[in-house]
Amino acid sequence: MKRIWTFIKDEQGLETVEYAIIGGIITIAAIATIRSIGTQVGVMFTSILGALTGP
């Protein structure tokens, strides 16, 4: 029983897991932002191209 409590209270290695989770969240946020900006830039260039080529 003592081994179980020792295992439960052991916090060694948790920092690595926390950093991995934070890194994953930051990566997902960055990908979402880049995709959103990329779409907006594409629409803007299409609009500019349409204005330059005329009707």
C-alpha atoms as a PDB file:
ATOM      1  CA  MET A   1       0.000   0.000   0.000  1.00  0.00           C
ATOM      2  CA  LYS A   2       2.895   2.300   0.765  1.00  0.00           C
ATOM      3  CA  ARG A   3       4.238   1.851  -2.782  1.00  0.00           C
ATOM      4  CA  ILE A   4       0.907   2.956  -4.257  1.00  0.00           C
ATOM      5  CA  TRP A   5       0.881   6.178  -2.228  1.00  0.00           C
ATOM      6  CA  THR A   6       4.497   6.834  -3.155  1.00  0.00           C
ATOM      7  CA  PHE A   7       3.628   6.384  -6.831  1.00  0.00           C
ATOM      8  CA  ILE A   8       0.593   8.688  -6.574  1.00  0.00           C
ATOM      9  CA  LYS A   9       2.537  11.450  -4.801  1.00  0.00           C
ATOM     10  CA  ASP A  10       5.534  11.227  -7.158  1.00  0.00           C
ATOM     11  CA  GLU A  11       5.654  14.346  -9.338  1.00  0.00           C
ATOM     12  CA  GLN A  12       8.843  13.512 -11.209  1.00  0.00           C
ATOM     13  CA  GLY A  13       8.354  13.910 -14.944  1.00  0.00           C
ATOM     14  CA  LEU A  14       5.151  15.936 -14.702  1.00  0.00           C
ATOM     15  CA  GLU A  15       6.892  19.111 -15.863  1.00  0.00           C
ATOM     16  CA  THR A  16       7.748  17.423 -19.143  1.00  0.00           C
ATOM     17  CA  VAL A  17       4.123  16.457 -19.675  1.00  0.00           C
ATOM     18  CA  GLU A  18       2.965  19.976 -18.825  1.00  0.00           C
ATOM     19  CA  TYR A  19       5.420  21.502 -21.297  1.00  0.00           C
ATOM     20  CA  ALA A  20       4.302  19.056 -23.975  1.00  0.00           C
ATOM     21  CA  ILE A  21       0.645  19.994 -23.438  1.00  0.00           C
ATOM     22  CA  ILE A  22       1.435  23.719 -23.525  1.00  0.00           C
ATOM     23  CA  GLY A  23       3.514  23.230 -26.676  1.00  0.00           C
ATOM     24  CA  GLY A  24       0.647  21.358 -28.313  1.00  0.00           C
ATOM     25  CA  ILE A  25      -1.838  24.096 -27.478  1.00  0.00           C
ATOM     26  CA  ILE A  26       0.497  26.779 -28.845  1.00  0.00           C
ATOM     27  CA  THR A  27       1.045  24.751 -32.022  1.00  0.00           C
ATOM     28  CA  ILE A  28      -2.697  24.320 -32.601  1.00  0.00           C
ATOM     29  CA  ALA A  29      -3.288  28.045 -32.047  1.00  0.00           C
ATOM     30  CA  ALA A  30      -0.471  28.954 -34.454  1.00  0.00           C
ATOM     31  CA  ILE A  31      -1.793  26.636 -37.166  1.00  0.00           C
ATOM     32  CA  ALA A  32      -5.322  28.034 -36.809  1.00  0.00           C
ATOM     33  CA  THR A  33      -4.016  31.602 -37.024  1.00  0.00           C
ATOM     34  CA  ILE A  34      -1.856  30.905 -40.064  1.00  0.00           C
ATOM     35  CA  ARG A  35      -4.719  29.167 -41.881  1.00  0.00           C
ATOM     36  CA  SER A  36      -7.070  32.070 -41.149  1.00  0.00           C
ATOM     37  CA  ILE A  37      -4.569  34.686 -42.281  1.00  0.00           C
ATOM     38  CA  GLY A  38      -3.661  32.629 -45.347  1.00  0.00           C
ATOM     39  CA  THR A  39      -7.287  32.480 -46.442  1.00  0.00           C
ATOM     40  CA  GLN A  40      -7.722  36.223 -45.988  1.00  0.00           C
ATOM     41  CA  VAL A  41      -4.541  36.979 -47.940  1.00  0.00           C
ATOM     42  CA  GLY A  42      -5.694  34.709 -50.774  1.00  0.00           C
ATOM     43  CA  VAL A  43      -9.033  36.512 -50.979  1.00  0.00           C
ATOM     44  CA  MET A  44      -7.256  39.869 -50.989  1.00  0.00           C
ATOM     45  CA  PHE A  45      -4.918  38.860 -53.831  1.00  0.00           C
ATOM     46  CA  THR A  46      -7.840  37.492 -55.843  1.00  0.00           C
ATOM     47  CA  SER A  47      -9.665  40.793 -55.385  1.00  0.00           C
ATOM     48  CA  ILE A  48      -6.596  42.785 -56.450  1.00  0.00           C
ATOM     49  CA  LEU A  49      -6.065  40.554 -59.485  1.00  0.00           C
ATOM     50  CA  GLY A  50      -9.703  41.046 -60.486  1.00  0.00           C
ATOM     51  CA  ALA A  51      -9.353  44.814 -60.178  1.00  0.00           C
ATOM     52  CA  LEU A  52      -6.172  44.863 -62.260  1.00  0.00           C
ATOM     53  CA  THR A  53      -7.496  42.683 -65.091  1.00  0.00           C
ATOM     54  CA  GLY A  54     -10.778  44.528 -65.364  1.00  0.00           C
ATOM     55  CA  PRO A  55     -14.286  43.211 -66.011  1.00  0.00           C
END
